[in-house]
Amino acid sequence: MSQPSQPLTQDADDIQSLTQYLHTGEFEYVDIMSHEAWQRALKQWPLLAEWQRWSQESSS
């Protein structure tokens, strides 16, 4: 028989675990799926893409 699996909560925060393992507070995490979803949204809604360009120009 197999042993019961450990609770998911122990390994739920992979980023925090990796940061602690590497002993550093600086870890740049990029959510690729979120970035891809944002790019699809910009293609689907031209007004959103225009707003993003305007926003980037205003903050420069």
PDB file of N, CA and C in Angstrom:
ATOM      1  N   MET A   1       0.838  -1.185   0.000  1.00  0.00           N
ATOM      2  CA  MET A   1       0.000   0.000   0.000  1.00  0.00           C
ATOM      3  C   MET A   1       0.879   1.244   0.000  1.00  0.00           C
ATOM      4  N   SER A   2       0.389   2.260  -0.616  1.00  0.00           N
ATOM      5  CA  SER A   2       1.137   3.517  -0.646  1.00  0.00           C
ATOM      6  C   SER A   2       0.848   4.339   0.598  1.00  0.00           C
ATOM      7  N   GLN A   3       1.813   5.169   0.950  1.00  0.00           N
ATOM      8  CA  GLN A   3       1.649   6.042   2.108  1.00  0.00           C
ATOM      9  C   GLN A   3       0.795   7.233   1.714  1.00  0.00           C
ATOM     10  N   PRO A   4       0.048   7.791   2.671  1.00  0.00           N
ATOM     11  CA  PRO A   4      -0.745   8.984   2.351  1.00  0.00           C
ATOM     12  C   PRO A   4       0.167  10.138   1.959  1.00  0.00           C
ATOM     13  N   SER A   5      -0.270  10.907   1.003  1.00  0.00           N
ATOM     14  CA  SER A   5       0.551  12.035   0.550  1.00  0.00           C
ATOM     15  C   SER A   5       0.559  13.140   1.594  1.00  0.00           C
ATOM     16  N   GLN A   6       1.623  13.936   1.559  1.00  0.00           N
ATOM     17  CA  GLN A   6       1.740  15.055   2.482  1.00  0.00           C
ATOM     18  C   GLN A   6       0.764  16.141   2.057  1.00  0.00           C
ATOM     19  N   PRO A   7       0.331  16.964   3.004  1.00  0.00           N
ATOM     20  CA  PRO A   7      -0.583  18.055   2.661  1.00  0.00           C
ATOM     21  C   PRO A   7       0.035  18.996   1.635  1.00  0.00           C
ATOM     22  N   LEU A   8      -0.779  19.491   0.734  1.00  0.00           N
ATOM     23  CA  LEU A   8      -0.303  20.401  -0.301  1.00  0.00           C
ATOM     24  C   LEU A   8       0.210  21.710   0.275  1.00  0.00           C
ATOM     25  N   THR A   9      -0.257  22.071   1.451  1.00  0.00           N
ATOM     26  CA  THR A   9       0.138  23.360   2.023  1.00  0.00           C
ATOM     27  C   THR A   9       1.630  23.425   2.320  1.00  0.00           C
ATOM     28  N   GLN A  10       2.268  22.296   2.526  1.00  0.00           N
ATOM     29  CA  GLN A  10       3.701  22.305   2.817  1.00  0.00           C
ATOM     30  C   GLN A  10       4.513  22.806   1.631  1.00  0.00           C
ATOM     31  N   ASP A  11       4.108  22.478   0.433  1.00  0.00           N
ATOM     32  CA  ASP A  11       4.859  22.852  -0.764  1.00  0.00           C
ATOM     33  C   ASP A  11       4.118  23.876  -1.609  1.00  0.00           C
ATOM     34  N   ALA A  12       3.117  24.526  -1.055  1.00  0.00           N
ATOM     35  CA  ALA A  12       2.274  25.423  -1.840  1.00  0.00           C
ATOM     36  C   ALA A  12       3.011  26.658  -2.327  1.00  0.00           C
ATOM     37  N   ASP A  13       3.942  27.165  -1.558  1.00  0.00           N
ATOM     38  CA  ASP A  13       4.626  28.392  -1.951  1.00  0.00           C
ATOM     39  C   ASP A  13       6.021  28.061  -2.477  1.00  0.00           C
ATOM     40  N   ASP A  14       6.085  27.669  -3.749  1.00  0.00           N
ATOM     41  CA  ASP A  14       7.354  27.270  -4.356  1.00  0.00           C
ATOM     42  C   ASP A  14       8.360  28.407  -4.403  1.00  0.00           C
ATOM     43  N   ILE A  15       7.887  29.611  -4.680  1.00  0.00           N
ATOM     44  CA  ILE A  15       8.790  30.752  -4.781  1.00  0.00           C
ATOM     45  C   ILE A  15       9.442  31.030  -3.436  1.00  0.00           C
ATOM     46  N   GLN A  16       8.650  31.031  -2.385  1.00  0.00           N
ATOM     47  CA  GLN A  16       9.207  31.272  -1.055  1.00  0.00           C
ATOM     48  C   GLN A  16      10.200  30.170  -0.680  1.00  0.00           C
ATOM     49  N   SER A  17       9.874  28.943  -0.979  1.00  0.00           N
ATOM     50  CA  SER A  17      10.780  27.833  -0.674  1.00  0.00           C
ATOM     51  C   SER A  17      12.084  27.964  -1.439  1.00  0.00           C
ATOM     52  N   LEU A  18      12.002  28.315  -2.713  1.00  0.00           N
ATOM     53  CA  LEU A  18      13.205  28.477  -3.523  1.00  0.00           C
ATOM     54  C   LEU A  18      14.052  29.634  -3.018  1.00  0.00           C
ATOM     55  N   THR A  19      13.411  30.732  -2.657  1.00  0.00           N
ATOM     56  CA  THR A  19      14.140  31.885  -2.130  1.00  0.00           C
ATOM     57  C   THR A  19      14.875  31.514  -0.845  1.00  0.00           C
ATOM     58  N   GLN A  20      14.209  30.792   0.030  1.00  0.00           N
ATOM     59  CA  GLN A  20      14.857  30.371   1.275  1.00  0.00           C
ATOM     60  C   GLN A  20      15.994  29.402   0.985  1.00  0.00           C
ATOM     61  N   TYR A  21      15.795  28.525   0.026  1.00  0.00           N
ATOM     62  CA  TYR A  21      16.824  27.553  -0.333  1.00  0.00           C
ATOM     63  C   TYR A  21      18.059  28.251  -0.886  1.00  0.00           C
ATOM     64  N   LEU A  22      17.853  29.273  -1.677  1.00  0.00           N
ATOM     65  CA  LEU A  22      18.971  29.993  -2.274  1.00  0.00           C
ATOM     66  C   LEU A  22      19.568  31.031  -1.326  1.00  0.00           C
ATOM     67  N   HIS A  23      18.938  31.229  -0.170  1.00  0.00           N
ATOM     68  CA  HIS A  23      19.412  32.187   0.831  1.00  0.00           C
ATOM     69  C   HIS A  23      19.548  33.598   0.261  1.00  0.00           C
ATOM     70  N   THR A  24      18.599  34.005  -0.484  1.00  0.00           N
ATOM     71  CA  THR A  24      18.634  35.354  -1.037  1.00  0.00           C
ATOM     72  C   THR A  24      17.225  35.918  -1.045  1.00  0.00           C
ATOM     73  N   GLY A  25      17.117  37.197  -0.835  1.00  0.00           N
ATOM     74  CA  GLY A  25      15.821  37.841  -0.877  1.00  0.00           C
ATOM     75  C   GLY A  25      15.477  38.352  -2.263  1.00  0.00           C
ATOM     76  N   GLU A  26      16.445  38.295  -3.174  1.00  0.00           N
ATOM     77  CA  GLU A  26      16.212  38.826  -4.507  1.00  0.00           C
ATOM     78  C   GLU A  26      16.019  37.684  -5.493  1.00  0.00           C
ATOM     79  N   PHE A  27      14.785  37.538  -5.937  1.00  0.00           N
ATOM     80  CA  PHE A  27      14.443  36.500  -6.892  1.00  0.00           C
ATOM     81  C   PHE A  27      13.394  37.082  -7.819  1.00  0.00           C
ATOM     82  N   GLU A  28      13.745  37.266  -9.071  1.00  0.00           N
ATOM     83  CA  GLU A  28      12.815  37.869 -10.022  1.00  0.00           C
ATOM     84  C   GLU A  28      11.941  36.774 -10.617  1.00  0.00           C
ATOM     85  N   TYR A  29      10.662  36.856 -10.333  1.00  0.00           N
ATOM     86  CA  TYR A  29       9.698  35.869 -10.800  1.00  0.00           C
ATOM     87  C   TYR A  29       8.883  36.468 -11.927  1.00  0.00           C
ATOM     88  N   VAL A  30       8.795  35.759 -13.037  1.00  0.00           N
ATOM     89  CA  VAL A  30       8.010  36.222 -14.174  1.00  0.00           C
ATOM     90  C   VAL A  30       6.900  35.211 -14.404  1.00  0.00           C
ATOM     91  N   ASP A  31       5.675  35.667 -14.296  1.00  0.00           N
ATOM     92  CA  ASP A  31       4.524  34.807 -14.544  1.00  0.00           C
ATOM     93  C   ASP A  31       4.270  34.795 -16.047  1.00  0.00           C
ATOM     94  N   ILE A  32       4.761  33.765 -16.718  1.00  0.00           N
ATOM     95  CA  ILE A  32       4.691  33.694 -18.173  1.00  0.00           C
ATOM     96  C   ILE A  32       3.249  33.648 -18.658  1.00  0.00           C
ATOM     97  N   MET A  33       2.400  32.885 -18.001  1.00  0.00           N
ATOM     98  CA  MET A  33       1.003  32.785 -18.433  1.00  0.00           C
ATOM     99  C   MET A  33       0.301  34.133 -18.326  1.00  0.00           C
ATOM    100  N   SER A  34       0.574  34.864 -17.273  1.00  0.00           N
ATOM    101  CA  SER A  34      -0.028  36.184 -17.104  1.00  0.00           C
ATOM    102  C   SER A  34       0.455  37.134 -18.191  1.00  0.00           C
ATOM    103  N   HIS A  35       1.743  37.078 -18.504  1.00  0.00           N
ATOM    104  CA  HIS A  35       2.308  37.932 -19.549  1.00  0.00           C
ATOM    105  C   HIS A  35       1.673  37.606 -20.906  1.00  0.00           C
ATOM    106  N   GLU A  36       1.526  36.321 -21.209  1.00  0.00           N
ATOM    107  CA  GLU A  36       0.912  35.916 -22.477  1.00  0.00           C
ATOM    108  C   GLU A  36      -0.551  36.343 -22.538  1.00  0.00           C
ATOM    109  N   ALA A  37      -1.267  36.235 -21.431  1.00  0.00           N
ATOM    110  CA  ALA A  37      -2.666  36.661 -21.397  1.00  0.00           C
ATOM    111  C   ALA A  37      -2.769  38.166 -21.636  1.00  0.00           C
ATOM    112  N   TRP A  38      -1.842  38.938 -21.072  1.00  0.00           N
ATOM    113  CA  TRP A  38      -1.828  40.392 -21.272  1.00  0.00           C
ATOM    114  C   TRP A  38      -1.585  40.719 -22.742  1.00  0.00           C
ATOM    115  N   GLN A  39      -0.653  40.008 -23.374  1.00  0.00           N
ATOM    116  CA  GLN A  39      -0.359  40.241 -24.787  1.00  0.00           C
ATOM    117  C   GLN A  39      -1.569  39.911 -25.665  1.00  0.00           C
ATOM    118  N   ARG A  40      -2.282  38.833 -25.344  1.00  0.00           N
ATOM    119  CA  ARG A  40      -3.505  38.491 -26.096  1.00  0.00           C
ATOM    120  C   ARG A  40      -4.562  39.567 -25.921  1.00  0.00           C
ATOM    121  N   ALA A  41      -4.694  40.081 -24.706  1.00  0.00           N
ATOM    122  CA  ALA A  41      -5.682  41.132 -24.441  1.00  0.00           C
ATOM    123  C   ALA A  41      -5.351  42.394 -25.231  1.00  0.00           C
ATOM    124  N   LEU A  42      -4.073  42.739 -25.322  1.00  0.00           N
ATOM    125  CA  LEU A  42      -3.673  43.925 -26.083  1.00  0.00           C
ATOM    126  C   LEU A  42      -4.007  43.770 -27.561  1.00  0.00           C
ATOM    127  N   LYS A  43      -3.880  42.559 -28.090  1.00  0.00           N
ATOM    128  CA  LYS A  43      -4.229  42.311 -29.497  1.00  0.00           C
ATOM    129  C   LYS A  43      -5.736  42.343 -29.706  1.00  0.00           C
ATOM    130  N   GLN A  44      -6.477  41.857 -28.722  1.00  0.00           N
ATOM    131  CA  GLN A  44      -7.932  41.772 -28.848  1.00  0.00           C
ATOM    132  C   GLN A  44      -8.602  43.136 -28.680  1.00  0.00           C
ATOM    133  N   TRP A  45      -8.062  43.993 -27.826  1.00  0.00           N
ATOM    134  CA  TRP A  45      -8.678  45.280 -27.535  1.00  0.00           C
ATOM    135  C   TRP A  45      -7.717  46.415 -27.862  1.00  0.00           C
ATOM    136  N   PRO A  46      -7.815  46.978 -29.056  1.00  0.00           N
ATOM    137  CA  PRO A  46      -6.899  48.046 -29.476  1.00  0.00           C
ATOM    138  C   PRO A  46      -6.894  49.253 -28.538  1.00  0.00           C
ATOM    139  N   LEU A  47      -8.032  49.578 -27.951  1.00  0.00           N
ATOM    140  CA  LEU A  47      -8.076  50.714 -27.034  1.00  0.00           C
ATOM    141  C   LEU A  47      -7.207  50.450 -25.799  1.00  0.00           C
ATOM    142  N   LEU A  48      -7.195  49.224 -25.332  1.00  0.00           N
ATOM    143  CA  LEU A  48      -6.337  48.853 -24.206  1.00  0.00           C
ATOM    144  C   LEU A  48      -4.865  48.998 -24.588  1.00  0.00           C
ATOM    145  N   ALA A  49      -4.517  48.576 -25.803  1.00  0.00           N
ATOM    146  CA  ALA A  49      -3.138  48.714 -26.276  1.00  0.00           C
ATOM    147  C   ALA A  49      -2.753  50.186 -26.380  1.00  0.00           C
ATOM    148  N   GLU A  50      -3.680  51.017 -26.855  1.00  0.00           N
ATOM    149  CA  GLU A  50      -3.420  52.456 -26.956  1.00  0.00           C
ATOM    150  C   GLU A  50      -3.226  53.054 -25.561  1.00  0.00           C
ATOM    151  N   TRP A  51      -4.056  52.651 -24.618  1.00  0.00           N
ATOM    152  CA  TRP A  51      -3.920  53.137 -23.246  1.00  0.00           C
ATOM    153  C   TRP A  51      -2.559  52.739 -22.671  1.00  0.00           C
ATOM    154  N   GLN A  52      -2.112  51.510 -22.935  1.00  0.00           N
ATOM    155  CA  GLN A  52      -0.811  51.074 -22.423  1.00  0.00           C
ATOM    156  C   GLN A  52       0.313  51.931 -23.005  1.00  0.00           C
ATOM    157  N   ARG A  53       0.273  52.190 -24.305  1.00  0.00           N
ATOM    158  CA  ARG A  53       1.306  53.035 -24.922  1.00  0.00           C
ATOM    159  C   ARG A  53       1.291  54.428 -24.304  1.00  0.00           C
ATOM    160  N   TRP A  54       0.105  54.999 -24.133  1.00  0.00           N
ATOM    161  CA  TRP A  54      -0.031  56.329 -23.536  1.00  0.00           C
ATOM    162  C   TRP A  54       0.509  56.330 -22.104  1.00  0.00           C
ATOM    163  N   SER A  55       0.177  55.279 -21.360  1.00  0.00           N
ATOM    164  CA  SER A  55       0.613  55.171 -19.971  1.00  0.00           C
ATOM    165  C   SER A  55       2.138  55.091 -19.877  1.00  0.00           C
ATOM    166  N   GLN A  56       2.752  54.338 -20.761  1.00  0.00           N
ATOM    167  CA  GLN A  56       4.210  54.209 -20.749  1.00  0.00           C
ATOM    168  C   GLN A  56       4.880  55.524 -21.130  1.00  0.00           C
ATOM    169  N   GLU A  57       4.310  56.244 -22.092  1.00  0.00           N
ATOM    170  CA  GLU A  57       4.873  57.531 -22.497  1.00  0.00           C
ATOM    171  C   GLU A  57       4.736  58.561 -21.385  1.00  0.00           C
ATOM    172  N   SER A  58       3.625  58.530 -20.675  1.00  0.00           N
ATOM    173  CA  SER A  58       3.383  59.488 -19.592  1.00  0.00           C
ATOM    174  C   SER A  58       4.321  59.270 -18.413  1.00  0.00           C
ATOM    175  N   SER A  59       4.681  58.028 -18.165  1.00  0.00           N
ATOM    176  CA  SER A  59       5.541  57.744 -17.013  1.00  0.00           C
ATOM    177  C   SER A  59       7.016  57.941 -17.329  1.00  0.00           C
ATOM    178  N   SER A  60       7.355  58.143 -18.581  1.00  0.00           N
ATOM    179  CA  SER A  60       8.772  58.331 -18.964  1.00  0.00           C
ATOM    180  C   SER A  60       9.260  59.713 -18.677  1.00  0.00           C
TER     181      SER A  60
END
